[in-house]
Amino acid sequence: MIDRIRTLLSGHPMIPLDFSALSDDANLYDAGLTSFASVQMMLALEEEFDVEFPEAMLTRRTFASLANIAEAVSQITRKAA
């Protein structure tokens, strides 16, 4: 799942990070992720995985790393199944 997320986000023009150069646990905010880009990232993830992030997951921590994002998406998709 992390590879799918990495590919999705790498191709997004509004998220100016080199995801191919970041480890799964790298802090995306330390790498330059902005609040605006994190919202764009959330929207792209929701569209790609056909999910909606619940309000409780709309935190900086959820989007702080590719590993955290993958875990959040996995949790949402498990609940939806």
PDB file of N, CA and C in Angstrom:
ATOM      1  N   MET A   1       0.821  -1.197   0.000  1.00  0.00           N
ATOM      2  CA  MET A   1       0.000   0.000   0.000  1.00  0.00           C
ATOM      3  C   MET A   1       0.865   1.261   0.000  1.00  0.00           C
ATOM      4  N   ILE A   2       1.984   1.209   0.713  1.00  0.00           N
ATOM      5  CA  ILE A   2       2.841   2.394   0.759  1.00  0.00           C
ATOM      6  C   ILE A   2       3.346   2.742  -0.639  1.00  0.00           C
ATOM      7  N   ASP A   3       3.663   1.739  -1.448  1.00  0.00           N
ATOM      8  CA  ASP A   3       4.126   2.020  -2.814  1.00  0.00           C
ATOM      9  C   ASP A   3       3.037   2.693  -3.636  1.00  0.00           C
ATOM     10  N   ARG A   4       1.806   2.265  -3.464  1.00  0.00           N
ATOM     11  CA  ARG A   4       0.676   2.883  -4.177  1.00  0.00           C
ATOM     12  C   ARG A   4       0.505   4.334  -3.727  1.00  0.00           C
ATOM     13  N   ILE A   5       0.618   4.582  -2.438  1.00  0.00           N
ATOM     14  CA  ILE A   5       0.503   5.941  -1.899  1.00  0.00           C
ATOM     15  C   ILE A   5       1.657   6.800  -2.400  1.00  0.00           C
ATOM     16  N   ARG A   6       2.856   6.256  -2.364  1.00  0.00           N
ATOM     17  CA  ARG A   6       4.044   6.989  -2.827  1.00  0.00           C
ATOM     18  C   ARG A   6       3.880   7.389  -4.306  1.00  0.00           C
ATOM     19  N   THR A   7       3.420   6.466  -5.124  1.00  0.00           N
ATOM     20  CA  THR A   7       3.215   6.741  -6.551  1.00  0.00           C
ATOM     21  C   THR A   7       2.144   7.807  -6.754  1.00  0.00           C
ATOM     22  N   LEU A   8       1.033   7.678  -6.054  1.00  0.00           N
ATOM     23  CA  LEU A   8      -0.045   8.664  -6.157  1.00  0.00           C
ATOM     24  C   LEU A   8       0.450  10.059  -5.804  1.00  0.00           C
ATOM     25  N   LEU A   9       1.106  10.173  -4.669  1.00  0.00           N
ATOM     26  CA  LEU A   9       1.524  11.490  -4.195  1.00  0.00           C
ATOM     27  C   LEU A   9       2.671  12.056  -5.019  1.00  0.00           C
ATOM     28  N   SER A  10       3.517  11.196  -5.548  1.00  0.00           N
ATOM     29  CA  SER A  10       4.630  11.666  -6.389  1.00  0.00           C
ATOM     30  C   SER A  10       4.124  12.344  -7.653  1.00  0.00           C
ATOM     31  N   GLY A  11       2.988  11.900  -8.154  1.00  0.00           N
ATOM     32  CA  GLY A  11       2.442  12.467  -9.371  1.00  0.00           C
ATOM     33  C   GLY A  11       1.521  13.647  -9.168  1.00  0.00           C
ATOM     34  N   HIS A  12       1.352  14.074  -7.924  1.00  0.00           N
ATOM     35  CA  HIS A  12       0.419  15.170  -7.644  1.00  0.00           C
ATOM     36  C   HIS A  12       1.145  16.515  -7.725  1.00  0.00           C
ATOM     37  N   PRO A  13       0.689  17.397  -8.609  1.00  0.00           N
ATOM     38  CA  PRO A  13       1.406  18.661  -8.819  1.00  0.00           C
ATOM     39  C   PRO A  13       1.353  19.638  -7.637  1.00  0.00           C
ATOM     40  N   MET A  14       0.396  19.487  -6.741  1.00  0.00           N
ATOM     41  CA  MET A  14       0.260  20.432  -5.629  1.00  0.00           C
ATOM     42  C   MET A  14       1.025  19.980  -4.379  1.00  0.00           C
ATOM     43  N   ILE A  15       1.704  18.842  -4.465  1.00  0.00           N
ATOM     44  CA  ILE A  15       2.456  18.334  -3.317  1.00  0.00           C
ATOM     45  C   ILE A  15       3.926  18.276  -3.724  1.00  0.00           C
ATOM     46  N   PRO A  16       4.691  19.326  -3.376  1.00  0.00           N
ATOM     47  CA  PRO A  16       6.056  19.477  -3.895  1.00  0.00           C
ATOM     48  C   PRO A  16       7.127  18.714  -3.097  1.00  0.00           C
ATOM     49  N   LEU A  17       6.934  17.407  -2.927  1.00  0.00           N
ATOM     50  CA  LEU A  17       7.942  16.612  -2.228  1.00  0.00           C
ATOM     51  C   LEU A  17       8.427  15.497  -3.140  1.00  0.00           C
ATOM     52  N   ASP A  18       9.672  15.094  -2.964  1.00  0.00           N
ATOM     53  CA  ASP A  18      10.214  13.963  -3.709  1.00  0.00           C
ATOM     54  C   ASP A  18      10.002  12.708  -2.867  1.00  0.00           C
ATOM     55  N   PHE A  19       8.846  12.083  -3.031  1.00  0.00           N
ATOM     56  CA  PHE A  19       8.489  10.927  -2.213  1.00  0.00           C
ATOM     57  C   PHE A  19       9.407   9.739  -2.469  1.00  0.00           C
ATOM     58  N   SER A  20      10.012   9.680  -3.635  1.00  0.00           N
ATOM     59  CA  SER A  20      10.909   8.563  -3.936  1.00  0.00           C
ATOM     60  C   SER A  20      12.182   8.636  -3.093  1.00  0.00           C
ATOM     61  N   ALA A  21      12.510   9.818  -2.608  1.00  0.00           N
ATOM     62  CA  ALA A  21      13.728   9.993  -1.809  1.00  0.00           C
ATOM     63  C   ALA A  21      13.472   9.874  -0.307  1.00  0.00           C
ATOM     64  N   LEU A  22      12.206   9.698   0.089  1.00  0.00           N
ATOM     65  CA  LEU A  22      11.859   9.664   1.512  1.00  0.00           C
ATOM     66  C   LEU A  22      11.593   8.235   1.978  1.00  0.00           C
ATOM     67  N   SER A  23      12.060   7.931   3.172  1.00  0.00           N
ATOM     68  CA  SER A  23      11.758   6.626   3.752  1.00  0.00           C
ATOM     69  C   SER A  23      10.294   6.600   4.176  1.00  0.00           C
ATOM     70  N   ASP A  24       9.790   5.411   4.432  1.00  0.00           N
ATOM     71  CA  ASP A  24       8.390   5.258   4.834  1.00  0.00           C
ATOM     72  C   ASP A  24       8.086   6.018   6.120  1.00  0.00           C
ATOM     73  N   ASP A  25       9.075   6.134   6.999  1.00  0.00           N
ATOM     74  CA  ASP A  25       8.874   6.784   8.294  1.00  0.00           C
ATOM     75  C   ASP A  25       9.369   8.223   8.352  1.00  0.00           C
ATOM     76  N   ALA A  26       9.862   8.744   7.242  1.00  0.00           N
ATOM     77  CA  ALA A  26      10.359  10.125   7.229  1.00  0.00           C
ATOM     78  C   ALA A  26       9.231  11.095   7.535  1.00  0.00           C
ATOM     79  N   ASN A  27       9.543  12.126   8.312  1.00  0.00           N
ATOM     80  CA  ASN A  27       8.538  13.134   8.655  1.00  0.00           C
ATOM     81  C   ASN A  27       8.324  14.043   7.446  1.00  0.00           C
ATOM     82  N   LEU A  28       7.124  13.979   6.889  1.00  0.00           N
ATOM     83  CA  LEU A  28       6.818  14.749   5.681  1.00  0.00           C
ATOM     84  C   LEU A  28       6.811  16.248   5.947  1.00  0.00           C
ATOM     85  N   TYR A  29       6.449  16.648   7.150  1.00  0.00           N
ATOM     86  CA  TYR A  29       6.458  18.078   7.484  1.00  0.00           C
ATOM     87  C   TYR A  29       7.886  18.601   7.551  1.00  0.00           C
ATOM     88  N   ASP A  30       8.796  17.799   8.114  1.00  0.00           N
ATOM     89  CA  ASP A  30      10.207  18.183   8.142  1.00  0.00           C
ATOM     90  C   ASP A  30      10.777  18.253   6.726  1.00  0.00           C
ATOM     91  N   ALA A  31      10.207  17.448   5.817  1.00  0.00           N
ATOM     92  CA  ALA A  31      10.663  17.434   4.426  1.00  0.00           C
ATOM     93  C   ALA A  31      10.071  18.585   3.609  1.00  0.00           C
ATOM     94  N   GLY A  32       9.162  19.357   4.209  1.00  0.00           N
ATOM     95  CA  GLY A  32       8.619  20.522   3.518  1.00  0.00           C
ATOM     96  C   GLY A  32       7.130  20.501   3.251  1.00  0.00           C
ATOM     97  N   LEU A  33       6.415  19.492   3.757  1.00  0.00           N
ATOM     98  CA  LEU A  33       4.963  19.448   3.564  1.00  0.00           C
ATOM     99  C   LEU A  33       4.309  20.629   4.274  1.00  0.00           C
ATOM    100  N   THR A  34       3.461  21.342   3.546  1.00  0.00           N
ATOM    101  CA  THR A  34       2.744  22.488   4.112  1.00  0.00           C
ATOM    102  C   THR A  34       1.319  22.083   4.472  1.00  0.00           C
ATOM    103  N   SER A  35       0.632  22.931   5.182  1.00  0.00           N
ATOM    104  CA  SER A  35      -0.765  22.669   5.524  1.00  0.00           C
ATOM    105  C   SER A  35      -1.610  22.544   4.267  1.00  0.00           C
ATOM    106  N   PHE A  36      -1.386  23.431   3.306  1.00  0.00           N
ATOM    107  CA  PHE A  36      -2.135  23.373   2.050  1.00  0.00           C
ATOM    108  C   PHE A  36      -1.877  22.054   1.330  1.00  0.00           C
ATOM    109  N   ALA A  37      -0.606  21.667   1.252  1.00  0.00           N
ATOM    110  CA  ALA A  37      -0.255  20.421   0.572  1.00  0.00           C
ATOM    111  C   ALA A  37      -0.832  19.214   1.301  1.00  0.00           C
ATOM    112  N   SER A  38      -0.920  19.278   2.620  1.00  0.00           N
ATOM    113  CA  SER A  38      -1.485  18.141   3.362  1.00  0.00           C
ATOM    114  C   SER A  38      -2.972  17.976   3.050  1.00  0.00           C
ATOM    115  N   VAL A  39      -3.684  19.078   2.844  1.00  0.00           N
ATOM    116  CA  VAL A  39      -5.093  19.001   2.457  1.00  0.00           C
ATOM    117  C   VAL A  39      -5.202  18.413   1.052  1.00  0.00           C
ATOM    118  N   GLN A  40      -4.338  18.845   0.134  1.00  0.00           N
ATOM    119  CA  GLN A  40      -4.336  18.295  -1.217  1.00  0.00           C
ATOM    120  C   GLN A  40      -4.024  16.795  -1.186  1.00  0.00           C
ATOM    121  N   MET A  41      -3.122  16.415  -0.305  1.00  0.00           N
ATOM    122  CA  MET A  41      -2.760  15.016  -0.146  1.00  0.00           C
ATOM    123  C   MET A  41      -3.959  14.209   0.353  1.00  0.00           C
ATOM    124  N   MET A  42      -4.652  14.729   1.354  1.00  0.00           N
ATOM    125  CA  MET A  42      -5.827  14.051   1.899  1.00  0.00           C
ATOM    126  C   MET A  42      -6.887  13.860   0.814  1.00  0.00           C
ATOM    127  N   LEU A  43      -7.146  14.889   0.029  1.00  0.00           N
ATOM    128  CA  LEU A  43      -8.152  14.802  -1.032  1.00  0.00           C
ATOM    129  C   LEU A  43      -7.755  13.773  -2.083  1.00  0.00           C
ATOM    130  N   ALA A  44      -6.481  13.747  -2.447  1.00  0.00           N
ATOM    131  CA  ALA A  44      -6.005  12.774  -3.427  1.00  0.00           C
ATOM    132  C   ALA A  44      -6.148  11.350  -2.894  1.00  0.00           C
ATOM    133  N   LEU A  45      -5.841  11.158  -1.622  1.00  0.00           N
ATOM    134  CA  LEU A  45      -5.969   9.836  -1.005  1.00  0.00           C
ATOM    135  C   LEU A  45      -7.421   9.396  -0.936  1.00  0.00           C
ATOM    136  N   GLU A  46      -8.296  10.319  -0.572  1.00  0.00           N
ATOM    137  CA  GLU A  46      -9.727   9.985  -0.498  1.00  0.00           C
ATOM    138  C   GLU A  46     -10.250   9.559  -1.860  1.00  0.00           C
ATOM    139  N   GLU A  47      -9.834  10.258  -2.897  1.00  0.00           N
ATOM    140  CA  GLU A  47     -10.289   9.923  -4.243  1.00  0.00           C
ATOM    141  C   GLU A  47      -9.702   8.579  -4.699  1.00  0.00           C
ATOM    142  N   GLU A  48      -8.425   8.385  -4.486  1.00  0.00           N
ATOM    143  CA  GLU A  48      -7.750   7.170  -4.933  1.00  0.00           C
ATOM    144  C   GLU A  48      -8.302   5.917  -4.253  1.00  0.00           C
ATOM    145  N   PHE A  49      -8.545   6.001  -2.946  1.00  0.00           N
ATOM    146  CA  PHE A  49      -8.968   4.828  -2.186  1.00  0.00           C
ATOM    147  C   PHE A  49     -10.476   4.792  -1.929  1.00  0.00           C
ATOM    148  N   ASP A  50     -11.193   5.787  -2.449  1.00  0.00           N
ATOM    149  CA  ASP A  50     -12.643   5.877  -2.269  1.00  0.00           C
ATOM    150  C   ASP A  50     -13.020   5.785  -0.793  1.00  0.00           C
ATOM    151  N   VAL A  51     -12.376   6.636  -0.002  1.00  0.00           N
ATOM    152  CA  VAL A  51     -12.620   6.690   1.439  1.00  0.00           C
ATOM    153  C   VAL A  51     -12.821   8.147   1.849  1.00  0.00           C
ATOM    154  N   GLU A  52     -13.243   8.328   3.071  1.00  0.00           N
ATOM    155  CA  GLU A  52     -13.322   9.663   3.660  1.00  0.00           C
ATOM    156  C   GLU A  52     -12.662   9.593   5.027  1.00  0.00           C
ATOM    157  N   PHE A  53     -11.676  10.445   5.239  1.00  0.00           N
ATOM    158  CA  PHE A  53     -11.006  10.468   6.531  1.00  0.00           C
ATOM    159  C   PHE A  53     -11.963  11.010   7.585  1.00  0.00           C
ATOM    160  N   PRO A  54     -12.180  10.264   8.663  1.00  0.00           N
ATOM    161  CA  PRO A  54     -13.037  10.777   9.722  1.00  0.00           C
ATOM    162  C   PRO A  54     -12.358  11.939  10.441  1.00  0.00           C
ATOM    163  N   GLU A  55     -13.153  12.769  11.042  1.00  0.00           N
ATOM    164  CA  GLU A  55     -12.635  13.962  11.710  1.00  0.00           C
ATOM    165  C   GLU A  55     -11.532  13.628  12.709  1.00  0.00           C
ATOM    166  N   ALA A  56     -11.682  12.520  13.418  1.00  0.00           N
ATOM    167  CA  ALA A  56     -10.686  12.137  14.427  1.00  0.00           C
ATOM    168  C   ALA A  56      -9.306  11.872  13.812  1.00  0.00           C
ATOM    169  N   MET A  57      -9.269  11.569  12.526  1.00  0.00           N
ATOM    170  CA  MET A  57      -7.988  11.298  11.858  1.00  0.00           C
ATOM    171  C   MET A  57      -7.399  12.532  11.180  1.00  0.00           C
ATOM    172  N   LEU A  58      -8.091  13.623  11.210  1.00  0.00           N
ATOM    173  CA  LEU A  58      -7.597  14.835  10.548  1.00  0.00           C
ATOM    174  C   LEU A  58      -6.618  15.551  11.469  1.00  0.00           C
ATOM    175  N   THR A  59      -5.488  14.890  11.675  1.00  0.00           N
ATOM    176  CA  THR A  59      -4.448  15.428  12.550  1.00  0.00           C
ATOM    177  C   THR A  59      -3.123  15.464  11.805  1.00  0.00           C
ATOM    178  N   ARG A  60      -2.234  16.245  12.312  1.00  0.00           N
ATOM    179  CA  ARG A  60      -0.888  16.339  11.745  1.00  0.00           C
ATOM    180  C   ARG A  60      -0.204  14.972  11.778  1.00  0.00           C
ATOM    181  N   ARG A  61      -0.420  14.221  12.828  1.00  0.00           N
ATOM    182  CA  ARG A  61       0.222  12.919  12.975  1.00  0.00           C
ATOM    183  C   ARG A  61      -0.213  11.939  11.877  1.00  0.00           C
ATOM    184  N   THR A  62      -1.485  11.952  11.515  1.00  0.00           N
ATOM    185  CA  THR A  62      -1.981  11.039  10.479  1.00  0.00           C
ATOM    186  C   THR A  62      -1.207  11.200   9.182  1.00  0.00           C
ATOM    187  N   PHE A  63      -0.862  12.426   8.837  1.00  0.00           N
ATOM    188  CA  PHE A  63      -0.228  12.719   7.560  1.00  0.00           C
ATOM    189  C   PHE A  63       1.269  13.002   7.687  1.00  0.00           C
ATOM    190  N   ALA A  64       1.857  12.646   8.824  1.00  0.00           N
ATOM    191  CA  ALA A  64       3.260  12.959   9.078  1.00  0.00           C
ATOM    192  C   ALA A  64       4.237  12.057   8.339  1.00  0.00           C
ATOM    193  N   SER A  65       3.813  10.871   7.941  1.00  0.00           N
ATOM    194  CA  SER A  65       4.717   9.966   7.218  1.00  0.00           C
ATOM    195  C   SER A  65       3.902   9.057   6.307  1.00  0.00           C
ATOM    196  N   LEU A  66       4.580   8.466   5.358  1.00  0.00           N
ATOM    197  CA  LEU A  66       3.908   7.514   4.475  1.00  0.00           C
ATOM    198  C   LEU A  66       3.392   6.321   5.259  1.00  0.00           C
ATOM    199  N   ALA A  67       4.143   5.887   6.258  1.00  0.00           N
ATOM    200  CA  ALA A  67       3.705   4.764   7.092  1.00  0.00           C
ATOM    201  C   ALA A  67       2.431   5.112   7.854  1.00  0.00           C
ATOM    202  N   ASN A  68       2.354   6.313   8.404  1.00  0.00           N
ATOM    203  CA  ASN A  68       1.145   6.736   9.120  1.00  0.00           C
ATOM    204  C   ASN A  68      -0.051   6.826   8.180  1.00  0.00           C
ATOM    205  N   ILE A  69       0.186   7.350   6.993  1.00  0.00           N
ATOM    206  CA  ILE A  69      -0.892   7.467   6.009  1.00  0.00           C
ATOM    207  C   ILE A  69      -1.401   6.081   5.631  1.00  0.00           C
ATOM    208  N   ALA A  70      -0.497   5.164   5.358  1.00  0.00           N
ATOM    209  CA  ALA A  70      -0.890   3.805   4.986  1.00  0.00           C
ATOM    210  C   ALA A  70      -1.695   3.147   6.104  1.00  0.00           C
ATOM    211  N   GLU A  71      -1.287   3.344   7.335  1.00  0.00           N
ATOM    212  CA  GLU A  71      -2.021   2.771   8.467  1.00  0.00           C
ATOM    213  C   GLU A  71      -3.420   3.371   8.564  1.00  0.00           C
ATOM    214  N   ALA A  72      -3.528   4.676   8.383  1.00  0.00           N
ATOM    215  CA  ALA A  72      -4.832   5.341   8.457  1.00  0.00           C
ATOM    216  C   ALA A  72      -5.756   4.842   7.348  1.00  0.00           C
ATOM    217  N   VAL A  73      -5.249   4.757   6.126  1.00  0.00           N
ATOM    218  CA  VAL A  73      -6.067   4.276   5.014  1.00  0.00           C
ATOM    219  C   VAL A  73      -6.486   2.828   5.256  1.00  0.00           C
ATOM    220  N   SER A  74      -5.582   2.021   5.771  1.00  0.00           N
ATOM    221  CA  SER A  74      -5.911   0.624   6.082  1.00  0.00           C
ATOM    222  C   SER A  74      -7.022   0.540   7.117  1.00  0.00           C
ATOM    223  N   GLN A  75      -6.940   1.357   8.151  1.00  0.00           N
ATOM    224  CA  GLN A  75      -7.987   1.370   9.183  1.00  0.00           C
ATOM    225  C   GLN A  75      -9.338   1.752   8.596  1.00  0.00           C
ATOM    226  N   ILE A  76      -9.348   2.774   7.764  1.00  0.00           N
ATOM    227  CA  ILE A  76     -10.600   3.243   7.172  1.00  0.00           C
ATOM    228  C   ILE A  76     -11.201   2.172   6.254  1.00  0.00           C
ATOM    229  N   THR A  77     -10.356   1.555   5.435  1.00  0.00           N
ATOM    230  CA  THR A  77     -10.881   0.557   4.499  1.00  0.00           C
ATOM    231  C   THR A  77     -11.339  -0.698   5.214  1.00  0.00           C
ATOM    232  N   ARG A  78     -10.694  -1.052   6.322  1.00  0.00           N
ATOM    233  CA  ARG A  78     -11.152  -2.211   7.104  1.00  0.00           C
ATOM    234  C   ARG A  78     -12.523  -1.945   7.703  1.00  0.00           C
ATOM    235  N   LYS A  79     -12.730  -0.731   8.204  1.00  0.00           N
ATOM    236  CA  LYS A  79     -14.032  -0.380   8.805  1.00  0.00           C
ATOM    237  C   LYS A  79     -15.130  -0.351   7.756  1.00  0.00           C
ATOM    238  N   ALA A  80     -14.764   0.028   6.536  1.00  0.00           N
ATOM    239  CA  ALA A  80     -15.762   0.134   5.471  1.00  0.00           C
ATOM    240  C   ALA A  80     -16.148  -1.237   4.910  1.00  0.00           C
ATOM    241  N   ALA A  81     -15.301  -2.220   5.112  1.00  0.00           N
ATOM    242  CA  ALA A  81     -15.557  -3.555   4.534  1.00  0.00           C
ATOM    243  C   ALA A  81     -16.596  -4.330   5.321  1.00  0.00           C
TER     244      ALA A  81
END
